[in-house]
């Protein structure tokens, strides 16, 4: 374990129980609540901004060299068009994202998903037909709309560093996989991310297609994460990489700081959340209430100049009276204060 000096933020940390790495819950909510309250939209189409951002209305979540981002899955409880997601980022002061596939594909004119039928057989048939339509669409779609989406986000001050479409699975065609990397490049991303595959040979298949476009594949893990889970894939190709989730890693019973120190060269992005350890039940918690060493990890990234983004993934229950945007904004503020920015 690294010995990291404490700053003023960490001196506010609770000294008992599993809260040693988190900010005082009461003091944190007081300040974060005040900041979140300032995120209301201005009249008309003008975007609001927190008072502490002196950058002409554009978001800036790069704190002490650490890029705080968000995976847009975090806003799944709210309407999720590409335009709406951009507004959420501005409201939260987020300047970099891992973009889920559906909003980008809808923006680009993809076929609409069928309504959910109550009949299981009808639902299965409809989804099979929809998957066929999507495969055909992905194989032929122009990248013009993806480039337009990139420009729209970029002009607002938000970069897209990662793309996660439902097009990199074992049942997807090679043309769909090729599309995923073409779209990632058009969006400005350096990685296309996917859940770690169970089928042997899939990481080699993905890496071979990724190499054509010079885009990394970031493999994401859940509770199956272990210290050496990614080693074989990384040995196969320099285009295979790690989309690390330190919250899941803690819930699986491991130390993320040890992992990051050993594997940082192969991490292309990291999901950031607070979970209880395996011994304490593994629950998703509001930041500062779990066992995940968020403060220590962010400080380590700053001190060691690790350049992969730390993406907020909102998975704890949203409190009554709040919403995903307000909760992500609290996480951004937590990270900013943790880094002393």
Protein backbone atom coordinates (compact mmCIF):
# COMPACT_ATOMS: atom_id res chain seq x y z
CA UNK A 1 0.00 0.00 0.00
CA UNK A 2 1.30 3.41 -0.94
CA UNK A 3 1.75 6.03 1.76
CA UNK A 4 -0.11 9.07 0.41
CA UNK A 5 0.03 12.34 2.32
CA UNK A 6 -3.31 13.72 3.44
CA UNK A 7 -4.59 17.03 2.16
CA UNK A 8 -7.35 19.18 3.65
CA UNK A 9 -9.99 17.02 1.99
CA UNK A 10 -8.76 13.84 3.61
CA UNK A 11 -8.50 15.52 7.01
CA UNK A 12 -12.31 15.71 6.83
CA UNK A 13 -12.50 11.95 6.44
CA UNK A 14 -14.22 9.96 9.14
CA UNK A 15 -11.89 8.15 11.48
CA UNK A 16 -14.05 5.11 12.25
CA UNK A 17 -15.53 2.10 10.48
CA UNK A 18 -15.34 1.69 6.72
CA UNK A 19 -15.50 5.46 6.05
CA UNK A 20 -11.79 6.11 6.47
CA UNK A 21 -11.35 6.86 2.77
CA UNK A 22 -14.54 8.93 2.30
CA UNK A 23 -15.45 12.53 2.90
CA UNK A 24 -17.63 13.32 5.88
CA UNK A 25 -21.08 12.50 4.57
CA UNK A 26 -22.80 15.46 6.23
CA UNK A 27 -20.23 18.07 5.20
CA UNK A 28 -19.93 16.65 1.71
CA UNK A 29 -23.67 16.68 1.05
CA UNK A 30 -23.95 20.23 2.32
CA UNK A 31 -21.38 21.56 -0.14
CA UNK A 32 -22.33 19.27 -3.03
CA UNK A 33 -25.97 20.14 -2.58
CA UNK A 34 -25.19 23.83 -2.88
CA UNK A 35 -23.24 23.24 -6.06
CA UNK A 36 -25.87 20.94 -7.55
CA UNK A 37 -28.48 23.61 -6.83
CA UNK A 38 -26.60 25.97 -9.14
CA UNK A 39 -26.90 23.63 -12.10
CA UNK A 40 -30.34 24.79 -13.20
CA UNK A 41 -30.69 25.70 -16.84
CA UNK A 42 -30.76 29.29 -17.97
CA UNK A 43 -33.82 30.47 -19.93
CA UNK A 44 -34.21 29.15 -23.46
CA UNK A 45 -31.47 26.91 -24.80
CA UNK A 46 -28.57 28.41 -22.85
CA UNK A 47 -26.66 25.88 -20.77
CA UNK A 48 -26.10 26.56 -17.08
CA UNK A 49 -22.77 26.10 -15.32
CA UNK A 50 -21.50 25.86 -11.76
CA UNK A 51 -20.21 29.16 -10.41
CA UNK A 52 -16.68 27.85 -9.83
CA UNK A 53 -15.97 27.11 -13.52
CA UNK A 54 -14.28 30.12 -15.15
CA UNK A 55 -14.29 28.66 -18.68
CA UNK A 56 -16.96 30.45 -20.69
CA UNK A 57 -19.73 28.02 -19.86
CA UNK A 58 -17.94 24.88 -20.97
CA UNK A 59 -17.55 22.01 -18.50
CA UNK A 60 -14.17 21.06 -17.09
CA UNK A 61 -13.82 17.87 -15.08
CA UNK A 62 -10.05 17.59 -15.50
CA UNK A 63 -8.80 17.98 -11.93
CA UNK A 64 -5.08 17.97 -11.09
CA UNK A 65 -4.36 16.00 -14.25
CA UNK A 66 -7.09 13.40 -13.62
CA UNK A 67 -9.87 13.30 -16.19
CA UNK A 68 -13.14 12.62 -14.38
CA UNK A 69 -15.73 11.36 -16.82
CA UNK A 70 -18.99 9.48 -16.81
CA UNK A 71 -20.37 6.45 -18.61
CA UNK A 72 -23.73 7.55 -19.99
CA UNK A 73 -25.30 4.38 -18.55
CA UNK A 74 -25.37 6.45 -15.36
CA UNK A 75 -28.32 8.42 -16.79
CA UNK A 76 -30.38 5.33 -17.66
CA UNK A 77 -33.23 6.42 -15.34
CA UNK A 78 -33.80 9.56 -17.44
CA UNK A 79 -34.68 10.26 -21.10
CA UNK A 80 -31.56 9.45 -23.08
CA UNK A 81 -31.25 11.01 -26.52
CA UNK A 82 -27.80 12.19 -27.60
CA UNK A 83 -28.89 15.80 -27.09
CA UNK A 84 -30.31 15.10 -23.63
CA UNK A 85 -27.16 13.27 -22.55
CA UNK A 86 -25.07 16.23 -23.64
CA UNK A 87 -27.22 18.54 -21.52
CA UNK A 88 -26.79 16.24 -18.52
CA UNK A 89 -23.01 16.40 -18.94
CA UNK A 90 -23.09 20.19 -18.99
CA UNK A 91 -25.33 20.25 -15.92
CA UNK A 92 -22.89 17.97 -14.07
CA UNK A 93 -19.69 19.72 -15.21
CA UNK A 94 -18.54 16.61 -17.09
CA UNK A 95 -16.11 17.17 -19.93
CA UNK A 96 -15.43 13.56 -21.06
CA UNK A 97 -17.64 10.51 -21.51
CA UNK A 98 -17.88 6.84 -22.35
CA UNK A 99 -20.91 6.83 -24.65
CA UNK A 100 -23.32 3.90 -24.74
CA UNK A 101 -24.32 2.72 -28.20
CA UNK A 102 -28.07 3.29 -28.32
CA UNK A 103 -28.17 7.12 -28.24
CA UNK A 104 -25.43 7.40 -30.87
CA UNK A 105 -27.12 4.86 -33.11
CA UNK A 106 -30.50 6.53 -32.73
CA UNK A 107 -28.88 9.85 -33.64
CA UNK A 108 -27.44 8.18 -36.74
CA UNK A 109 -30.84 6.83 -37.83
CA UNK A 110 -30.75 3.21 -36.69
CA UNK A 111 -33.90 1.07 -36.90
CA UNK A 112 -36.18 1.44 -33.90
CA UNK A 113 -36.42 -1.41 -31.43
CA UNK A 114 -39.77 -3.24 -31.50
CA UNK A 115 -42.32 -2.63 -28.75
CA UNK A 116 -42.10 -5.23 -25.99
CA UNK A 117 -44.71 -7.93 -26.55
CA UNK A 118 -46.30 -9.79 -23.66
CA UNK A 119 -46.08 -13.00 -25.67
CA UNK A 120 -42.68 -14.63 -25.25
CA UNK A 121 -42.62 -16.24 -28.70
CA UNK A 122 -43.61 -12.99 -30.42
CA UNK A 123 -41.01 -11.08 -28.40
CA UNK A 124 -38.28 -13.56 -29.36
CA UNK A 125 -39.17 -13.40 -33.05
CA UNK A 126 -39.35 -9.61 -33.03
CA UNK A 127 -35.95 -9.30 -31.38
CA UNK A 128 -34.39 -11.76 -33.84
CA UNK A 129 -35.72 -9.66 -36.72
CA UNK A 130 -34.50 -6.46 -35.05
CA UNK A 131 -31.00 -7.86 -34.54
CA UNK A 132 -30.93 -8.76 -38.24
CA UNK A 133 -32.00 -5.24 -39.18
CA UNK A 134 -29.35 -3.73 -36.92
CA UNK A 135 -26.63 -5.95 -38.38
CA UNK A 136 -27.56 -4.86 -41.90
CA UNK A 137 -27.74 -1.20 -40.86
CA UNK A 138 -24.39 -1.26 -39.06
CA UNK A 139 -22.66 -2.86 -42.04
CA UNK A 140 -23.74 -0.04 -44.36
CA UNK A 141 -24.18 3.08 -42.22
CA UNK A 142 -22.26 6.22 -43.13
CA UNK A 143 -20.06 7.73 -40.44
CA UNK A 144 -21.32 11.25 -41.23
CA UNK A 145 -23.82 11.37 -38.36
CA UNK A 146 -21.28 10.00 -35.90
CA UNK A 147 -18.87 12.73 -36.93
CA UNK A 148 -21.69 15.27 -36.54
CA UNK A 149 -22.36 13.94 -33.04
CA UNK A 150 -18.67 14.26 -32.18
CA UNK A 151 -18.65 17.90 -33.35
CA UNK A 152 -21.81 18.72 -31.39
CA UNK A 153 -20.27 17.39 -28.19
CA UNK A 154 -16.85 18.88 -28.87
CA UNK A 155 -18.26 22.36 -29.50
CA UNK A 156 -20.01 22.16 -26.13
CA UNK A 157 -16.77 21.13 -24.42
CA UNK A 158 -17.37 17.39 -24.02
CA UNK A 159 -15.05 14.77 -25.53
CA UNK A 160 -16.06 11.18 -26.25
CA UNK A 161 -13.15 8.95 -25.26
CA UNK A 162 -15.01 5.63 -25.27
CA UNK A 163 -17.84 3.98 -27.20
CA UNK A 164 -19.80 0.98 -25.94
CA UNK A 165 -22.26 -0.33 -28.54
CA UNK A 166 -24.01 -3.67 -28.40
CA UNK A 167 -22.01 -4.77 -31.42
CA UNK A 168 -18.94 -6.54 -30.05
CA UNK A 169 -20.47 -9.78 -28.80
CA UNK A 170 -19.92 -13.33 -29.91
CA UNK A 171 -23.17 -13.29 -31.93
CA UNK A 172 -22.36 -10.08 -33.77
CA UNK A 173 -21.04 -10.32 -37.33
CA UNK A 174 -17.55 -9.24 -38.30
CA UNK A 175 -19.15 -6.35 -40.19
CA UNK A 176 -20.86 -5.19 -36.98
CA UNK A 177 -17.59 -5.39 -35.07
CA UNK A 178 -15.85 -3.42 -37.80
CA UNK A 179 -18.64 -0.84 -37.56
CA UNK A 180 -18.04 -0.48 -33.79
CA UNK A 181 -14.43 0.57 -34.34
CA UNK A 182 -15.26 2.81 -37.30
CA UNK A 183 -17.92 4.55 -35.22
CA UNK A 184 -15.60 4.87 -32.23
CA UNK A 185 -13.02 6.58 -34.43
CA UNK A 186 -15.66 8.89 -35.96
CA UNK A 187 -16.79 9.86 -32.46
CA UNK A 188 -13.21 10.72 -31.48
CA UNK A 189 -12.84 7.77 -29.11
CA UNK A 190 -9.65 5.79 -28.65
CA UNK A 191 -11.48 2.72 -27.33
CA UNK A 192 -14.55 0.59 -27.96
CA UNK A 193 -15.61 -1.21 -24.79
CA UNK A 194 -17.35 -4.50 -24.13
CA UNK A 195 -18.06 -6.92 -21.32
CA UNK A 196 -15.26 -9.45 -20.91
CA UNK A 197 -16.19 -12.36 -23.21
CA UNK A 198 -16.67 -15.88 -21.95
CA UNK A 199 -16.04 -17.56 -25.30
CA UNK A 200 -12.41 -18.55 -25.99
CA UNK A 201 -11.04 -16.85 -29.06
CA UNK A 202 -13.32 -13.81 -28.92
CA UNK A 203 -10.60 -11.49 -27.63
CA UNK A 204 -8.37 -12.51 -30.56
CA UNK A 205 -11.23 -11.92 -32.98
CA UNK A 206 -11.95 -8.46 -31.62
CA UNK A 207 -8.29 -7.44 -31.45
CA UNK A 208 -7.66 -8.41 -35.07
CA UNK A 209 -10.46 -6.13 -36.27
CA UNK A 210 -9.53 -3.37 -33.80
CA UNK A 211 -5.97 -3.36 -35.16
CA UNK A 212 -7.24 -2.32 -38.60
CA UNK A 213 -8.58 0.89 -37.09
CA UNK A 214 -5.94 1.38 -34.38
CA UNK A 215 -8.66 1.51 -31.71
CA UNK A 216 -8.27 -0.33 -28.39
CA UNK A 217 -10.78 -2.84 -27.06
CA UNK A 218 -11.49 -2.12 -23.40
CA UNK A 219 -12.73 -5.27 -21.66
CA UNK A 220 -14.98 -4.57 -18.68
CA UNK A 221 -15.37 -6.83 -15.68
CA UNK A 222 -17.84 -7.28 -12.85
CA UNK A 223 -17.48 -9.59 -9.87
CA UNK A 224 -15.46 -12.04 -11.97
CA UNK A 225 -12.57 -9.56 -11.97
CA UNK A 226 -9.30 -10.95 -10.66
CA UNK A 227 -5.72 -9.70 -10.71
CA UNK A 228 -4.84 -11.75 -13.80
CA UNK A 229 -8.20 -11.87 -15.63
CA UNK A 230 -6.99 -9.71 -18.54
CA UNK A 231 -3.47 -11.15 -18.86
CA UNK A 232 -4.12 -13.62 -21.70
CA UNK A 233 -6.02 -11.05 -23.76
CA UNK A 234 -3.27 -8.46 -23.31
CA UNK A 235 -0.66 -11.02 -24.35
CA UNK A 236 -2.59 -11.67 -27.56
CA UNK A 237 -2.53 -8.13 -28.88
CA UNK A 238 -1.55 -4.56 -27.97
CA UNK A 239 -5.10 -3.60 -28.97
CA UNK A 240 -6.61 -5.58 -26.10
CA UNK A 241 -6.84 -3.45 -22.96
CA UNK A 242 -8.55 -3.05 -19.59
CA UNK A 243 -11.76 -1.14 -18.86
CA UNK A 244 -11.25 -1.53 -15.11
CA UNK A 245 -14.03 -1.26 -12.52
CA UNK A 246 -12.49 -0.60 -9.14
CA UNK A 247 -15.81 -0.79 -7.30
CA UNK A 248 -16.53 -4.28 -8.60
CA UNK A 249 -12.93 -5.23 -7.86
CA UNK A 250 -13.38 -4.24 -4.21
CA UNK A 251 -16.69 -6.12 -4.02
CA UNK A 252 -14.89 -9.18 -5.42
CA UNK A 253 -12.48 -8.98 -2.50
CA UNK A 254 -9.38 -7.33 -3.95
CA UNK A 255 -7.24 -4.21 -3.58
CA UNK A 256 -7.59 -1.84 -6.58
CA UNK A 257 -4.45 0.13 -5.70
CA UNK A 258 -2.31 -2.98 -6.04
CA UNK A 259 -3.98 -3.73 -9.38
CA UNK A 260 -3.57 -0.19 -10.73
CA UNK A 261 0.10 -0.04 -9.76
CA UNK A 262 0.76 -3.29 -11.61
CA UNK A 263 -1.50 -2.88 -14.66
CA UNK A 264 -1.82 0.87 -15.28
CA UNK A 265 -0.07 0.70 -18.66
CA UNK A 266 -2.87 -1.53 -19.96
CA UNK A 267 -5.83 0.40 -18.47
CA UNK A 268 -7.63 2.56 -21.04
CA UNK A 269 -10.41 3.69 -18.71
CA UNK A 270 -11.75 3.01 -15.23
CA UNK A 271 -15.27 2.89 -13.85
CA UNK A 272 -15.44 4.63 -10.51
CA UNK A 273 -18.04 3.72 -7.91
CA UNK A 274 -18.15 3.01 -4.18
CA UNK A 275 -18.97 -0.51 -3.07
CA UNK A 276 -18.62 -2.39 0.16
CA UNK A 277 -15.94 -5.05 0.21
CA UNK A 278 -16.79 -8.70 -0.31
CA UNK A 279 -16.47 -9.28 3.45
CA UNK A 280 -18.96 -6.46 4.09
CA UNK A 281 -21.56 -7.62 1.58
CA UNK A 282 -20.50 -5.80 -1.60
CA UNK A 283 -23.38 -3.30 -1.74
CA UNK A 284 -23.28 -0.20 -3.96
CA UNK A 285 -23.05 2.88 -1.77
CA UNK A 286 -23.11 6.65 -2.09
CA UNK A 287 -19.54 7.88 -2.49
CA UNK A 288 -17.73 7.97 0.83
CA UNK A 289 -19.90 5.31 2.47
CA UNK A 290 -18.35 2.16 0.99
CA UNK A 291 -14.97 0.47 1.15
CA UNK A 292 -13.61 1.55 -2.25
CA UNK A 293 -10.55 3.82 -1.81
CA UNK A 294 -11.75 6.48 -4.25
CA UNK A 295 -9.77 9.34 -2.69
CA UNK A 296 -6.54 7.35 -2.57
CA UNK A 297 -6.90 6.10 -6.14
CA UNK A 298 -7.61 9.56 -7.57
CA UNK A 299 -4.64 11.00 -5.68
CA UNK A 300 -2.46 8.15 -6.93
CA UNK A 301 -3.54 8.84 -10.53
CA UNK A 302 -2.66 12.51 -10.09
CA UNK A 303 0.71 11.87 -8.47
CA UNK A 304 1.74 9.16 -10.95
CA UNK A 305 0.25 11.05 -13.92
CA UNK A 306 -1.87 8.11 -15.07
CA UNK A 307 -3.80 9.43 -18.05
CA UNK A 308 -6.74 7.05 -18.41
CA UNK A 309 -10.11 8.62 -17.46
CA UNK A 310 -11.91 7.80 -14.22
CA UNK A 311 -15.54 7.48 -15.27
CA UNK A 312 -18.35 7.86 -12.76
CA UNK A 313 -20.75 4.93 -13.00
CA UNK A 314 -23.84 5.67 -10.96
CA UNK A 315 -25.15 2.43 -9.50
CA UNK A 316 -26.13 3.26 -5.94
CA UNK A 317 -29.86 3.87 -5.29
CA UNK A 318 -30.91 7.43 -6.14
CA UNK A 319 -32.26 9.08 -2.96
CA UNK A 320 -35.87 10.33 -2.88
CA UNK A 321 -36.15 13.82 -4.33
CA UNK A 322 -32.95 13.51 -6.35
CA UNK A 323 -32.15 12.26 -9.84
CA UNK A 324 -29.22 10.86 -11.78
CA UNK A 325 -27.94 14.27 -12.88
CA UNK A 326 -27.85 15.59 -9.31
CA UNK A 327 -26.14 12.44 -8.04
CA UNK A 328 -23.50 12.45 -10.78
CA UNK A 329 -22.88 16.13 -10.00
CA UNK A 330 -22.24 15.17 -6.37
CA UNK A 331 -19.74 12.55 -7.51
CA UNK A 332 -17.94 15.11 -9.69
CA UNK A 333 -17.71 17.47 -6.73
CA UNK A 334 -16.49 14.65 -4.49
CA UNK A 335 -13.69 13.94 -6.98
CA UNK A 336 -12.80 17.61 -7.32
CA UNK A 337 -12.50 18.04 -3.56
CA UNK A 338 -10.61 14.75 -3.19
CA UNK A 339 -8.00 16.04 -5.62
CA UNK A 340 -7.85 19.47 -4.01
CA UNK A 341 -8.77 21.22 -7.27
